[in-house]
Amino acid sequence: MNVTANVSSRINLMRIVLISGIVFVHIPFDTDSSPFQGVYGFFDWFRVFLRDSLFRVGVPCLSAISGYLLFRHGEASLDYGKTVRRKAKTVLLPFLVWNSAFFLLVLILQNRGIGDGYIPDLTDASPRTLATLLFAVEGTPINLPLYFLRDLFVCILLSPLLAMLISRYPLPTLASLLLLAALPVSLGIVLRNSILFSFSFGIYLSLHRIDLTIIDRYAVRVGAAFLVLAMAWATAAYIAGPDLPVWLVFGRDLMVLAGIPGFWALSAILIKSRLAQRLAETGGLSFWIFCAHYPLLFCLFVLWNRSGADPYPVFYLLAVGITLTALPLTNGLARSAAPSFYNLLTGSRMQPRASVLTVDRRQTTSE
């Protein structure tokens, strides 16, 4: 399957936009600064909209992209052993490095009485808990967003089975995985069931050669419908929260999956701008932001709580500004000053590869 320049640019744009959006998902707060307190009115609703609704679609969209790109050459062309070795380097190794580094940072801080209450206590944790925080064995790792890398690697290990099922029984397979995504049933192999559906949906788009531009003519309507849906859910959650009823949680799980076509439609509109085209060329920056933002937000929250001087909206805006400024700067510095180490941290994403997959397949979109 040929990946056109337009499709490739939109994939890269979605990565950087969604991962920047994931920053909003992980901005920390305590009980007194919870958006469901309603102290700051519209500002609190907007936090719920960004954190619990709009950018919750990030992981489903990113995993769908991964499944799509993994099988863009077809099922028969997948060299399983080579793929697993490559993904161990580009997905699993960065997970271990970033998560271990944050684990050590938290351990040092907690030994000095700093950061208690914001992150699980490592000093008195059981070996089982420590193993989970380090390697995401039974739950989320200490660098929480990196659970996605853990689950993504599991999906890659399962990819031949998923591809076979999608190839032979596409609709029953997707329907079953969609049901699993919506039900609170733990499978014990992935931390979030929804990734199995979204990753398999990406495989479906590749193996069945679905034209990704098919909804472009309806991009405004599809994108607007998704934004309205996200705002409606955020409003309901803001009124009902913080303890959401089961039906609202179920609705969110389905809503975030609807974000896959919703954000894809929005990308068709956004990619026409010069700024979006520049963002689509940022290469490994999106991965750097994804891995580094949670530790930085943690440190900023610790500092803010120790100062205790400003109202929460000040911290919120400063945290966003500092994170989305400092991480691009540190990404550029690390890339220039220590390219080999940068390659390790970003899973060999040193150079943004060519954005067009030509007929002879000499150029490929980076995965």
Protein backbone atom coordinates (compact mmCIF):
# COMPACT_ATOMS: atom_id res chain seq x y z
CA MET A 1 0.00 0.00 0.00
CA ASN A 2 1.32 3.42 -0.96
CA VAL A 3 1.28 6.04 1.79
CA THR A 4 0.90 9.38 0.07
CA ALA A 5 2.65 12.55 1.15
CA ASN A 6 -0.65 13.96 2.42
CA VAL A 7 -1.46 10.90 4.53
CA SER A 8 2.08 10.72 5.90
CA SER A 9 2.09 14.40 6.86
CA ARG A 10 -1.27 14.04 8.57
CA ILE A 11 -0.04 11.03 10.55
CA ASN A 12 2.97 13.02 11.74
CA LEU A 13 0.77 16.00 12.53
CA MET A 14 -1.60 13.85 14.58
CA ARG A 15 1.34 12.48 16.55
CA ILE A 16 2.68 15.85 17.64
CA VAL A 17 -0.77 17.37 18.28
CA LEU A 18 -2.10 14.40 20.23
CA ILE A 19 1.06 13.94 22.28
CA SER A 20 1.12 17.64 23.09
CA GLY A 21 -2.52 17.21 24.08
CA ILE A 22 -1.61 14.32 26.37
CA VAL A 23 0.32 16.88 28.41
CA PHE A 24 -3.06 18.35 29.42
CA VAL A 25 -4.26 14.89 30.48
CA HIS A 26 -1.43 14.57 33.00
CA ILE A 27 -1.24 18.03 34.57
CA PRO A 28 -1.41 17.10 38.29
CA PHE A 29 -3.85 18.42 40.84
CA ASP A 30 -4.88 17.57 44.38
CA THR A 31 -8.28 17.36 46.04
CA ASP A 32 -8.51 21.10 46.62
CA SER A 33 -7.67 21.92 43.00
CA SER A 34 -9.84 19.24 41.37
CA PRO A 35 -11.82 20.63 38.43
CA PHE A 36 -14.94 18.96 39.83
CA GLN A 37 -14.89 21.37 42.76
CA GLY A 38 -16.16 24.01 40.35
CA VAL A 39 -14.20 26.77 42.08
CA TYR A 40 -13.03 28.37 38.82
CA GLY A 41 -16.16 27.91 36.71
CA PHE A 42 -15.54 27.74 32.98
CA PHE A 43 -11.82 27.19 33.57
CA ASP A 44 -12.62 23.98 35.44
CA TRP A 45 -15.02 22.82 32.71
CA PHE A 46 -12.31 23.49 30.14
CA ARG A 47 -9.86 21.37 32.15
CA VAL A 48 -12.35 18.49 32.13
CA PHE A 49 -12.86 18.96 28.39
CA LEU A 50 -9.13 18.79 27.64
CA ARG A 51 -8.11 16.24 30.28
CA ASP A 52 -10.98 13.77 30.38
CA SER A 53 -12.54 14.16 26.96
CA LEU A 54 -10.78 15.69 23.96
CA PHE A 55 -7.24 14.41 24.44
CA ARG A 56 -8.25 11.05 25.90
CA VAL A 57 -8.39 10.00 22.25
CA GLY A 58 -4.61 10.25 22.04
CA VAL A 59 -3.75 6.63 22.86
CA PRO A 60 -6.47 5.09 20.61
CA CYS A 61 -5.38 7.28 17.70
CA LEU A 62 -1.67 6.60 18.19
CA SER A 63 -2.20 2.84 18.49
CA ALA A 64 -4.38 2.81 15.36
CA ILE A 65 -1.57 4.59 13.52
CA SER A 66 0.92 1.98 14.77
CA GLY A 67 -1.25 -0.92 13.60
CA TYR A 68 -1.80 0.72 10.24
CA LEU A 69 1.89 1.36 9.60
CA LEU A 70 2.99 -2.07 10.79
CA PHE A 71 1.00 -3.79 8.03
CA ARG A 72 1.17 -1.15 5.32
CA HIS A 73 3.08 -3.61 3.10
CA GLY A 74 0.59 -6.40 3.73
CA GLU A 75 0.40 -9.39 6.06
CA ALA A 76 2.75 -11.61 4.07
CA SER A 77 5.61 -9.11 4.13
CA LEU A 78 5.86 -8.98 7.93
CA ASP A 79 9.11 -10.50 9.19
CA TYR A 80 8.01 -11.27 12.74
CA GLY A 81 11.43 -11.86 14.27
CA LYS A 82 12.94 -8.78 12.68
CA THR A 83 9.94 -6.68 13.64
CA VAL A 84 10.07 -7.76 17.29
CA ARG A 85 13.79 -7.03 17.50
CA ARG A 86 13.31 -3.62 15.90
CA LYS A 87 10.37 -2.73 18.13
CA ALA A 88 12.29 -3.86 21.21
CA LYS A 89 14.77 -1.14 20.31
CA THR A 90 12.28 1.55 19.31
CA VAL A 91 9.52 0.90 21.87
CA LEU A 92 10.59 -1.37 24.74
CA LEU A 93 14.10 -0.01 25.36
CA PRO A 94 13.01 3.67 25.61
CA PHE A 95 10.26 2.58 27.99
CA LEU A 96 12.80 0.91 30.28
CA VAL A 97 15.30 3.79 30.14
CA TRP A 98 12.82 6.63 30.73
CA ASN A 99 10.84 4.78 33.38
CA SER A 100 13.93 3.63 35.29
CA ALA A 101 15.37 7.15 35.28
CA PHE A 102 12.17 8.60 36.73
CA PHE A 103 12.00 5.76 39.26
CA LEU A 104 15.48 6.69 40.52
CA LEU A 105 14.59 10.39 40.62
CA VAL A 106 11.48 9.75 42.70
CA LEU A 107 13.38 7.42 45.00
CA ILE A 108 16.04 10.08 45.64
CA LEU A 109 13.43 12.78 46.28
CA GLN A 110 11.31 10.63 48.59
CA ASN A 111 14.36 9.67 50.63
CA ARG A 112 14.74 13.39 51.26
CA GLY A 113 11.08 13.84 52.15
CA ILE A 114 10.21 15.55 48.84
CA GLY A 115 7.26 14.56 46.67
CA ASP A 116 5.46 12.40 49.23
CA GLY A 117 1.79 11.94 48.36
CA TYR A 118 2.08 12.73 44.67
CA ILE A 119 3.67 9.46 43.55
CA PRO A 120 3.42 5.97 45.17
CA ASP A 121 5.80 5.65 48.11
CA LEU A 122 8.81 3.67 46.93
CA THR A 123 10.62 3.45 50.25
CA ASP A 124 8.04 1.12 51.86
CA ALA A 125 6.68 -0.56 48.73
CA SER A 126 6.63 -4.34 48.36
CA PRO A 127 8.83 -6.05 45.74
CA ARG A 128 5.68 -6.76 43.72
CA THR A 129 4.69 -3.10 43.71
CA LEU A 130 8.21 -2.02 42.80
CA ALA A 131 8.27 -4.51 39.91
CA THR A 132 5.04 -3.02 38.59
CA LEU A 133 6.24 0.56 38.94
CA LEU A 134 9.49 -0.33 37.15
CA PHE A 135 8.26 -2.74 34.48
CA ALA A 136 4.46 -2.30 34.38
CA VAL A 137 3.98 -5.98 35.22
CA GLU A 138 0.49 -5.70 36.71
CA GLY A 139 -0.34 -2.02 36.46
CA THR A 140 0.83 1.35 35.26
CA PRO A 141 4.53 2.24 35.54
CA ILE A 142 5.80 5.10 37.67
CA ASN A 143 6.10 7.25 34.52
CA LEU A 144 2.40 6.70 33.96
CA PRO A 145 1.98 7.58 30.24
CA LEU A 146 4.57 4.96 29.32
CA TYR A 147 1.99 2.23 29.89
CA PHE A 148 1.14 2.89 26.25
CA LEU A 149 4.60 1.73 25.14
CA ARG A 150 4.23 -1.40 27.24
CA ASP A 151 0.79 -2.20 25.77
CA LEU A 152 1.94 -1.31 22.27
CA PHE A 153 4.79 -3.80 22.49
CA VAL A 154 2.32 -6.48 23.61
CA CYS A 155 0.16 -5.67 20.58
CA ILE A 156 3.21 -6.05 18.35
CA LEU A 157 3.89 -9.47 19.88
CA LEU A 158 0.27 -10.40 19.14
CA SER A 159 0.24 -8.80 15.69
CA PRO A 160 0.37 -12.02 13.57
CA LEU A 161 -2.66 -13.41 15.42
CA LEU A 162 -4.53 -10.11 15.21
CA ALA A 163 -3.70 -9.79 11.51
CA MET A 164 -4.93 -13.31 10.78
CA LEU A 165 -8.23 -12.66 12.56
CA ILE A 166 -8.66 -9.26 10.91
CA SER A 167 -7.86 -10.71 7.50
CA ARG A 168 -10.33 -13.62 7.76
CA TYR A 169 -13.01 -12.37 10.15
CA PRO A 170 -12.73 -8.58 10.21
CA LEU A 171 -16.15 -7.55 11.48
CA PRO A 172 -16.58 -10.22 14.20
CA THR A 173 -13.03 -9.57 15.41
CA LEU A 174 -13.44 -5.80 15.59
CA ALA A 175 -16.88 -6.14 17.21
CA SER A 176 -15.49 -8.49 19.88
CA LEU A 177 -12.53 -6.21 20.60
CA LEU A 178 -14.84 -3.18 20.75
CA LEU A 179 -16.96 -4.96 23.34
CA LEU A 180 -13.84 -5.78 25.37
CA ALA A 181 -12.76 -2.13 25.15
CA ALA A 182 -16.05 -0.96 26.61
CA LEU A 183 -16.38 -3.56 29.37
CA PRO A 184 -14.44 -3.37 32.67
CA VAL A 185 -12.87 -6.79 32.15
CA SER A 186 -9.15 -7.31 32.69
CA LEU A 187 -7.47 -9.61 30.19
CA GLY A 188 -4.18 -9.67 32.06
CA ILE A 189 -2.08 -9.05 28.96
CA VAL A 190 -2.68 -5.35 28.33
CA LEU A 191 -3.39 -2.60 30.85
CA ARG A 192 -6.01 -0.93 28.65
CA ASN A 193 -8.27 -3.20 26.58
CA SER A 194 -9.06 -0.37 24.16
CA ILE A 195 -5.60 -0.58 22.62
CA LEU A 196 -6.39 -4.03 21.22
CA PHE A 197 -9.34 -2.59 19.31
CA SER A 198 -7.60 0.55 18.06
CA PHE A 199 -4.41 -1.30 17.06
CA SER A 200 -6.50 -3.93 15.25
CA PHE A 201 -8.56 -1.21 13.60
CA GLY A 202 -5.33 0.19 12.17
CA ILE A 203 -4.43 -3.30 10.93
CA TYR A 204 -7.87 -3.53 9.31
CA LEU A 205 -7.33 -0.26 7.44
CA SER A 206 -4.03 -1.57 6.06
CA LEU A 207 -4.92 -5.15 5.20
CA HIS A 208 -8.23 -4.24 3.58
CA ARG A 209 -6.65 -1.28 1.80
CA ILE A 210 -9.14 1.30 3.03
CA ASP A 211 -8.67 4.70 1.42
CA LEU A 212 -7.84 6.98 4.35
CA THR A 213 -8.95 10.06 2.42
CA ILE A 214 -12.45 8.70 1.93
CA ILE A 215 -13.94 10.94 4.63
CA ASP A 216 -12.02 14.06 3.61
CA ARG A 217 -14.99 15.48 1.74
CA TYR A 218 -16.94 15.27 5.00
CA ALA A 219 -14.03 16.43 7.17
CA VAL A 220 -15.73 19.56 8.51
CA ARG A 221 -18.89 17.70 9.48
CA VAL A 222 -17.11 14.68 10.98
CA GLY A 223 -14.60 16.84 12.86
CA ALA A 224 -17.33 19.16 14.16
CA ALA A 225 -19.48 16.21 15.24
CA PHE A 226 -16.62 14.77 17.24
CA LEU A 227 -15.88 18.11 18.94
CA VAL A 228 -19.57 18.50 19.86
CA LEU A 229 -19.61 14.95 21.23
CA ALA A 230 -16.47 15.64 23.27
CA MET A 231 -17.94 18.86 24.67
CA ALA A 232 -21.23 17.16 25.51
CA TRP A 233 -19.45 14.38 27.39
CA ALA A 234 -17.26 16.90 29.23
CA THR A 235 -20.35 18.84 30.30
CA ALA A 236 -22.04 15.70 31.61
CA ALA A 237 -18.87 14.65 33.44
CA TYR A 238 -18.38 18.12 34.92
CA ILE A 239 -21.89 18.02 36.35
CA ALA A 240 -21.74 14.41 37.57
CA GLY A 241 -18.10 14.18 38.67
CA PRO A 242 -15.84 13.33 40.28
CA ASP A 243 -17.44 9.89 40.76
CA LEU A 244 -18.81 9.15 37.31
CA PRO A 245 -21.77 6.79 36.87
CA VAL A 246 -21.19 3.59 34.92
CA TRP A 247 -23.12 4.78 31.87
CA LEU A 248 -20.96 7.89 31.61
CA VAL A 249 -17.73 5.89 31.84
CA PHE A 250 -19.09 3.55 29.16
CA GLY A 251 -19.92 6.57 27.01
CA ARG A 252 -16.40 7.95 27.39
CA ASP A 253 -14.86 4.64 26.35
CA LEU A 254 -16.90 4.69 23.14
CA MET A 255 -16.40 8.43 22.62
CA VAL A 256 -12.61 8.19 22.66
CA LEU A 257 -12.74 5.46 20.02
CA ALA A 258 -14.90 7.76 17.91
CA GLY A 259 -11.98 10.15 18.17
CA ILE A 260 -10.02 8.03 15.68
CA PRO A 261 -12.08 9.13 12.64
CA GLY A 262 -12.83 12.43 14.38
CA PHE A 263 -9.21 13.51 14.73
CA TRP A 264 -8.36 12.11 11.31
CA ALA A 265 -11.03 14.38 9.83
CA LEU A 266 -9.63 17.33 11.77
CA SER A 267 -6.16 16.58 10.42
CA ALA A 268 -7.48 17.00 6.87
CA ILE A 269 -8.45 20.56 7.79
CA LEU A 270 -5.41 21.46 9.87
CA ILE A 271 -2.76 20.14 7.46
CA LYS A 272 -3.62 22.90 5.01
CA SER A 273 -1.98 25.48 7.27
CA ARG A 274 1.73 26.29 7.14
CA LEU A 275 2.09 25.86 10.91
CA ALA A 276 0.63 22.34 10.75
CA GLN A 277 2.98 21.42 7.92
CA ARG A 278 5.94 22.56 10.03
CA LEU A 279 4.69 20.60 13.03
CA ALA A 280 4.46 17.51 10.82
CA GLU A 281 8.22 17.76 10.24
CA THR A 282 9.29 17.76 13.89
CA GLY A 283 10.51 14.14 13.81
CA GLY A 284 11.44 12.67 17.21
CA LEU A 285 10.09 15.66 19.17
CA SER A 286 6.70 14.03 19.72
CA PHE A 287 8.31 10.94 21.27
CA TRP A 288 10.54 13.12 23.46
CA ILE A 289 7.52 15.05 24.75
CA PHE A 290 5.62 11.84 25.35
CA CYS A 291 8.35 10.28 27.48
CA ALA A 292 9.53 13.39 29.33
CA HIS A 293 6.41 15.41 30.11
CA TYR A 294 5.16 13.43 33.11
CA PRO A 295 8.42 13.68 35.13
CA LEU A 296 8.62 17.40 34.33
CA LEU A 297 5.01 18.01 35.40
CA PHE A 298 5.66 16.09 38.61
CA CYS A 299 8.67 18.26 39.44
CA LEU A 300 6.74 21.45 38.66
CA PHE A 301 3.87 20.36 40.90
CA VAL A 302 6.23 19.58 43.77
CA LEU A 303 7.81 23.02 43.43
CA TRP A 304 4.44 24.75 43.25
CA ASN A 305 3.14 22.98 46.34
CA ARG A 306 6.27 23.85 48.30
CA SER A 307 5.86 27.51 47.39
CA GLY A 308 2.08 27.55 47.96
CA ALA A 309 1.82 31.12 46.81
CA ASP A 310 -0.35 31.16 43.69
CA PRO A 311 -3.88 29.89 42.87
CA TYR A 312 -4.10 26.71 40.85
CA PRO A 313 -4.92 28.33 37.46
CA VAL A 314 -1.54 30.09 37.63
CA PHE A 315 0.22 26.77 38.11
CA TYR A 316 -1.83 25.17 35.34
CA LEU A 317 -0.94 27.82 32.77
CA LEU A 318 2.69 27.93 33.85
CA ALA A 319 2.95 24.13 33.70
CA VAL A 320 1.61 24.08 30.14
CA GLY A 321 3.84 26.95 29.05
CA ILE A 322 7.01 25.57 30.66
CA THR A 323 6.43 22.00 29.46
CA LEU A 324 5.66 22.87 25.84
CA THR A 325 8.60 25.30 25.76
CA ALA A 326 11.25 23.43 27.72
CA LEU A 327 10.78 20.03 26.08
CA PRO A 328 11.28 21.22 22.49
CA LEU A 329 14.38 23.10 23.68
CA THR A 330 15.82 20.12 25.53
CA ASN A 331 14.96 17.88 22.58
CA GLY A 332 17.03 20.07 20.28
CA LEU A 333 19.90 20.33 22.76
CA ALA A 334 20.05 16.57 23.36
CA ARG A 335 19.86 15.86 19.66
CA SER A 336 22.77 18.20 18.93
CA ALA A 337 24.97 17.56 21.97
CA ALA A 338 24.55 13.79 22.40
CA PRO A 339 23.10 12.25 19.24
CA SER A 340 23.85 8.65 20.23
CA PHE A 341 22.21 9.06 23.62
CA TYR A 342 19.32 10.92 22.00
CA ASN A 343 18.87 8.00 19.62
CA LEU A 344 18.67 5.65 22.59
CA LEU A 345 16.11 7.81 24.38
CA THR A 346 13.90 8.23 21.32
CA GLY A 347 14.10 4.72 19.93
CA SER A 348 16.31 5.55 16.95
CA ARG A 349 14.13 8.46 15.88
CA MET A 350 17.17 10.65 15.24
CA GLN A 351 16.19 11.65 11.72
CA PRO A 352 12.64 12.14 10.46
CA ARG A 353 12.51 9.75 7.58
CA ALA A 354 11.05 10.55 4.21
CA SER A 355 7.35 11.25 4.28
CA VAL A 356 6.35 9.45 1.08
CA LEU A 357 6.16 5.75 0.48
CA THR A 358 6.91 5.39 -3.19
CA VAL A 359 5.85 2.60 -5.51
CA ASP A 360 9.23 0.85 -5.20
CA ARG A 361 9.02 1.27 -1.41
CA ARG A 362 12.43 2.82 -1.02
CA GLN A 363 10.98 5.50 1.25
CA THR A 364 8.75 4.93 4.21
CA THR A 365 6.90 6.86 6.83
CA SER A 366 8.51 6.42 10.22
CA GLU A 367 6.57 4.21 12.61
